[in-house]
N, C-alpha and C. Protein backbone atom coordinates (compact mmCIF):
# COMPACT_ATOMS: atom_id res chain seq x y z
N MET A 1 -47.90 22.96 -55.62
CA MET A 1 -47.30 24.19 -55.61
C MET A 1 -47.99 24.96 -56.47
N LEU A 2 -48.79 25.89 -56.00
CA LEU A 2 -49.76 26.78 -56.50
C LEU A 2 -49.44 28.40 -56.41
N GLY A 3 -49.51 29.12 -57.11
CA GLY A 3 -49.58 30.60 -56.70
C GLY A 3 -48.00 31.12 -56.76
N GLY A 4 -47.29 30.81 -57.76
CA GLY A 4 -46.09 31.46 -58.02
C GLY A 4 -44.86 30.63 -57.36
N GLY A 5 -45.16 29.31 -57.10
CA GLY A 5 -44.21 28.32 -56.49
C GLY A 5 -44.12 28.56 -55.11
N VAL A 6 -44.96 29.16 -54.24
CA VAL A 6 -44.98 29.13 -52.91
C VAL A 6 -45.65 27.83 -52.51
N SER A 7 -45.03 27.11 -51.38
CA SER A 7 -45.39 25.90 -50.69
C SER A 7 -45.75 26.02 -49.59
N ASN A 8 -46.90 25.63 -49.07
CA ASN A 8 -47.45 25.74 -47.64
C ASN A 8 -47.06 24.56 -46.89
N ARG A 9 -46.47 23.35 -47.64
CA ARG A 9 -45.88 22.18 -47.04
C ARG A 9 -44.87 22.64 -45.97
N LYS A 10 -44.91 21.99 -44.61
CA LYS A 10 -43.78 22.07 -43.93
C LYS A 10 -42.37 21.09 -44.10
N SER A 11 -41.41 21.50 -44.08
CA SER A 11 -40.20 20.96 -44.12
C SER A 11 -40.05 19.74 -43.10
N ASP A 12 -39.48 18.70 -43.63
CA ASP A 12 -39.34 17.27 -42.72
C ASP A 12 -38.82 17.80 -41.59
N GLU A 13 -38.09 18.84 -41.28
CA GLU A 13 -37.34 19.15 -39.79
C GLU A 13 -38.63 19.86 -39.36
N ASP A 14 -39.36 20.85 -39.66
CA ASP A 14 -40.41 21.21 -39.04
C ASP A 14 -41.13 20.38 -38.33
N ARG A 15 -41.66 19.17 -39.25
CA ARG A 15 -42.53 18.41 -39.01
C ARG A 15 -41.88 17.47 -37.60
N VAL A 16 -40.75 17.24 -38.08
CA VAL A 16 -40.00 16.37 -36.62
C VAL A 16 -40.05 17.26 -35.36
N GLU A 17 -39.79 18.22 -35.66
CA GLU A 17 -40.06 19.32 -34.43
C GLU A 17 -41.27 19.41 -34.00
N ASP A 18 -42.64 19.43 -34.81
CA ASP A 18 -43.78 19.21 -34.21
C ASP A 18 -43.90 18.15 -33.42
N ASP A 19 -43.34 17.09 -34.37
CA ASP A 19 -43.73 15.67 -33.44
C ASP A 19 -43.01 15.51 -32.24
N VAL A 20 -41.85 16.04 -32.31
CA VAL A 20 -41.23 15.59 -31.00
C VAL A 20 -41.38 16.56 -29.86
N SER A 21 -41.92 17.71 -30.03
CA SER A 21 -42.27 18.69 -28.95
C SER A 21 -43.71 18.13 -28.23
N THR A 22 -44.17 17.00 -28.67
CA THR A 22 -45.05 16.52 -27.86
C THR A 22 -44.63 15.50 -26.79
N VAL A 23 -43.52 14.85 -27.09
CA VAL A 23 -43.16 13.89 -25.97
C VAL A 23 -41.90 14.47 -25.53
N PRO A 24 -41.98 14.72 -24.11
CA PRO A 24 -40.38 15.21 -23.50
C PRO A 24 -39.19 14.28 -23.80
N GLU A 25 -39.39 13.11 -23.69
CA GLU A 25 -38.54 12.29 -23.77
C GLU A 25 -37.68 12.43 -25.21
N LEU A 26 -38.54 12.61 -25.94
CA LEU A 26 -37.98 12.64 -27.73
C LEU A 26 -37.37 14.04 -27.58
N THR A 27 -37.89 15.14 -26.86
CA THR A 27 -37.11 16.41 -27.19
C THR A 27 -35.74 16.30 -26.50
N SER A 28 -35.61 15.50 -25.38
CA SER A 28 -34.52 15.38 -24.64
C SER A 28 -33.60 14.73 -25.53
N LEU A 29 -33.93 13.74 -26.12
CA LEU A 29 -33.04 12.77 -27.16
C LEU A 29 -32.72 13.68 -28.38
N LEU A 30 -33.67 14.44 -29.06
CA LEU A 30 -33.11 15.18 -29.88
C LEU A 30 -32.04 16.18 -29.61
N GLN A 31 -32.12 16.85 -28.27
CA GLN A 31 -31.28 17.59 -27.87
C GLN A 31 -29.73 16.93 -27.75
N GLU A 32 -29.92 15.76 -27.38
CA GLU A 32 -28.59 14.88 -26.95
C GLU A 32 -27.87 14.69 -28.41
N LEU A 33 -28.84 14.43 -29.36
CA LEU A 33 -28.27 13.94 -30.86
C LEU A 33 -27.64 15.18 -31.43
N ARG A 34 -28.31 16.27 -31.35
CA ARG A 34 -27.75 17.70 -31.91
C ARG A 34 -26.25 18.15 -31.07
N TYR A 35 -26.22 17.81 -29.68
CA TYR A 35 -25.09 18.02 -29.16
C TYR A 35 -23.72 17.02 -29.65
N VAL A 36 -24.23 15.73 -29.92
CA VAL A 36 -23.19 14.88 -30.18
C VAL A 36 -22.94 15.05 -31.70
N THR A 37 -23.56 15.46 -32.46
CA THR A 37 -23.46 15.93 -34.01
C THR A 37 -22.42 16.88 -34.00
N ARG A 38 -22.83 18.00 -33.10
CA ARG A 38 -22.08 19.32 -33.24
C ARG A 38 -20.77 18.75 -32.89
N ARG A 39 -20.56 18.01 -31.77
CA ARG A 39 -19.44 17.87 -31.15
C ARG A 39 -18.49 16.71 -32.02
N MET A 40 -19.01 15.98 -32.80
CA MET A 40 -18.33 15.21 -33.80
C MET A 40 -17.87 15.97 -35.05
N ARG A 41 -18.75 17.02 -35.40
CA ARG A 41 -18.35 17.97 -36.67
C ARG A 41 -17.09 18.71 -36.02
N SER A 42 -17.21 19.18 -34.62
CA SER A 42 -16.09 20.02 -34.18
C SER A 42 -14.71 19.20 -34.20
N ASP A 43 -14.95 17.92 -33.49
CA ASP A 43 -13.86 17.14 -33.53
C ASP A 43 -13.22 16.93 -34.76
N GLU A 44 -13.89 16.58 -36.03
CA GLU A 44 -13.49 16.35 -37.22
C GLU A 44 -12.71 17.62 -37.72
N GLU A 45 -13.17 18.71 -37.41
CA GLU A 45 -12.72 20.07 -37.97
C GLU A 45 -11.23 20.25 -37.21
N ASP A 46 -11.20 19.79 -36.10
CA ASP A 46 -9.85 19.98 -35.08
C ASP A 46 -8.98 18.89 -35.76
N GLU A 47 -9.49 17.79 -35.94
CA GLU A 47 -8.42 16.75 -36.20
C GLU A 47 -7.87 17.29 -37.85
N ASN A 48 -8.78 17.86 -38.70
CA ASN A 48 -8.24 18.22 -40.04
C ASN A 48 -7.32 19.46 -39.79
N GLU A 49 -7.60 20.45 -38.99
CA GLU A 49 -6.70 21.33 -38.80
C GLU A 49 -5.22 20.91 -38.17
N THR A 50 -5.20 19.99 -37.61
CA THR A 50 -4.03 19.05 -36.82
C THR A 50 -3.22 18.38 -37.76
N ASN A 51 -3.85 17.72 -38.84
CA ASN A 51 -3.52 17.17 -39.85
C ASN A 51 -2.89 18.39 -40.88
N ASP A 52 -3.14 19.52 -40.93
CA ASP A 52 -2.63 20.63 -41.89
C ASP A 52 -1.47 20.88 -41.19
N TRP A 53 -1.57 21.06 -40.05
CA TRP A 53 -0.21 21.72 -39.31
C TRP A 53 0.73 20.44 -39.49
N LYS A 54 0.66 19.29 -39.06
CA LYS A 54 1.58 18.32 -38.99
C LYS A 54 2.40 18.18 -40.49
N PHE A 55 1.08 18.40 -41.88
CA PHE A 55 1.87 18.29 -43.04
C PHE A 55 2.88 19.43 -43.31
N ALA A 56 2.45 20.61 -42.65
CA ALA A 56 3.35 21.79 -42.74
C ALA A 56 4.53 21.67 -41.98
N ALA A 57 4.49 21.01 -40.91
CA ALA A 57 5.71 20.71 -40.12
C ALA A 57 6.59 19.59 -40.99
N MET A 58 6.13 18.56 -41.58
CA MET A 58 6.80 17.69 -42.17
C MET A 58 7.53 18.75 -43.67
N VAL A 59 6.94 19.19 -44.25
CA VAL A 59 7.62 19.79 -45.29
C VAL A 59 8.59 20.95 -44.70
N ILE A 60 8.28 21.45 -43.65
CA ILE A 60 9.54 22.47 -43.14
C ILE A 60 10.65 21.57 -42.49
N ASP A 61 10.49 20.33 -42.09
CA ASP A 61 11.41 19.48 -41.50
C ASP A 61 12.46 19.11 -42.81
N ARG A 62 11.56 18.51 -43.90
CA ARG A 62 12.09 17.97 -44.95
C ARG A 62 13.07 19.20 -45.61
N LEU A 63 12.62 20.24 -45.67
CA LEU A 63 13.18 21.45 -46.37
C LEU A 63 14.80 21.64 -45.33
N CYS A 64 14.50 21.72 -43.98
CA CYS A 64 15.64 21.91 -43.40
C CYS A 64 16.85 20.61 -43.29
N PHE A 65 16.33 19.47 -43.64
CA PHE A 65 17.09 18.51 -43.56
C PHE A 65 17.68 18.70 -45.03
N TYR A 66 17.23 19.07 -46.01
CA TYR A 66 17.97 19.05 -47.29
C TYR A 66 18.97 20.11 -47.24
N VAL A 67 18.62 21.33 -46.73
CA VAL A 67 19.70 22.47 -46.42
C VAL A 67 20.72 22.00 -45.66
N PHE A 68 20.50 21.21 -44.51
CA PHE A 68 21.51 20.83 -43.53
C PHE A 68 22.48 19.82 -44.36
N SER A 69 21.77 19.09 -45.21
CA SER A 69 22.71 18.08 -45.69
C SER A 69 23.59 18.54 -46.99
N ALA A 70 23.30 19.72 -47.66
CA ALA A 70 23.78 20.46 -48.74
C ALA A 70 25.18 21.08 -48.05
N CYS A 71 24.81 21.84 -47.12
CA CYS A 71 25.65 22.47 -46.14
C CYS A 71 26.76 21.61 -45.65
N PHE A 72 26.36 20.52 -44.87
CA PHE A 72 27.28 19.30 -44.62
C PHE A 72 28.20 19.00 -45.74
N VAL A 73 27.66 18.60 -46.75
CA VAL A 73 28.41 18.22 -47.94
C VAL A 73 29.49 18.93 -48.35
N LEU A 74 28.96 20.22 -48.56
CA LEU A 74 29.83 21.31 -49.20
C LEU A 74 30.95 21.68 -48.21
N LEU A 75 30.51 21.95 -47.17
CA LEU A 75 31.54 22.24 -45.86
C LEU A 75 32.85 21.15 -45.78
N THR A 76 32.17 20.08 -46.04
CA THR A 76 33.30 18.80 -46.00
C THR A 76 34.35 18.93 -47.25
N VAL A 77 33.48 18.90 -48.08
CA VAL A 77 34.06 19.18 -49.27
C VAL A 77 35.41 20.27 -49.45
N VAL A 78 34.72 21.26 -48.85
CA VAL A 78 35.65 22.73 -48.83
C VAL A 78 36.88 22.43 -47.62
N PHE A 79 36.68 21.79 -46.76
CA PHE A 79 37.81 21.47 -45.51
C PHE A 79 38.64 20.56 -46.04
N LEU A 80 38.07 19.42 -46.55
CA LEU A 80 39.16 18.38 -47.11
C LEU A 80 39.80 19.09 -48.22
N GLY A 81 39.41 19.76 -48.86
CA GLY A 81 40.11 20.37 -50.01
C GLY A 81 41.40 21.55 -49.42
N LEU A 82 40.92 22.03 -48.38
CA LEU A 82 41.91 23.07 -47.38
C LEU A 82 43.06 22.06 -46.97
N ALA A 83 42.56 21.04 -46.35
CA ALA A 83 43.63 20.45 -45.64
C ALA A 83 44.69 19.60 -46.72
N LEU A 84 44.26 19.35 -47.81
CA LEU A 84 45.27 18.60 -48.71
C LEU A 84 46.50 19.71 -49.15
N PRO A 85 47.75 19.38 -49.15
CA PRO A 85 48.61 20.00 -49.82
C PRO A 85 48.85 20.56 -50.90
């Protein structure tokens, strides 16, 4: 690297692009690999979002359970107290 840190070297990805463009089969294979990679990343992001929503639903479900249980116990005690002479 001379001249203020500017590099004339190509990156590995650029070199792969140059090498691949000479062989049509490799170009097709590279496109397929990119598609599969994008699809896997997208699926992983979707799965992470689904897991986040499942966790939120579990928290709300537990909160509703505690509220219901507290109301049930409280009302049971109140009604039993009213029923006693």
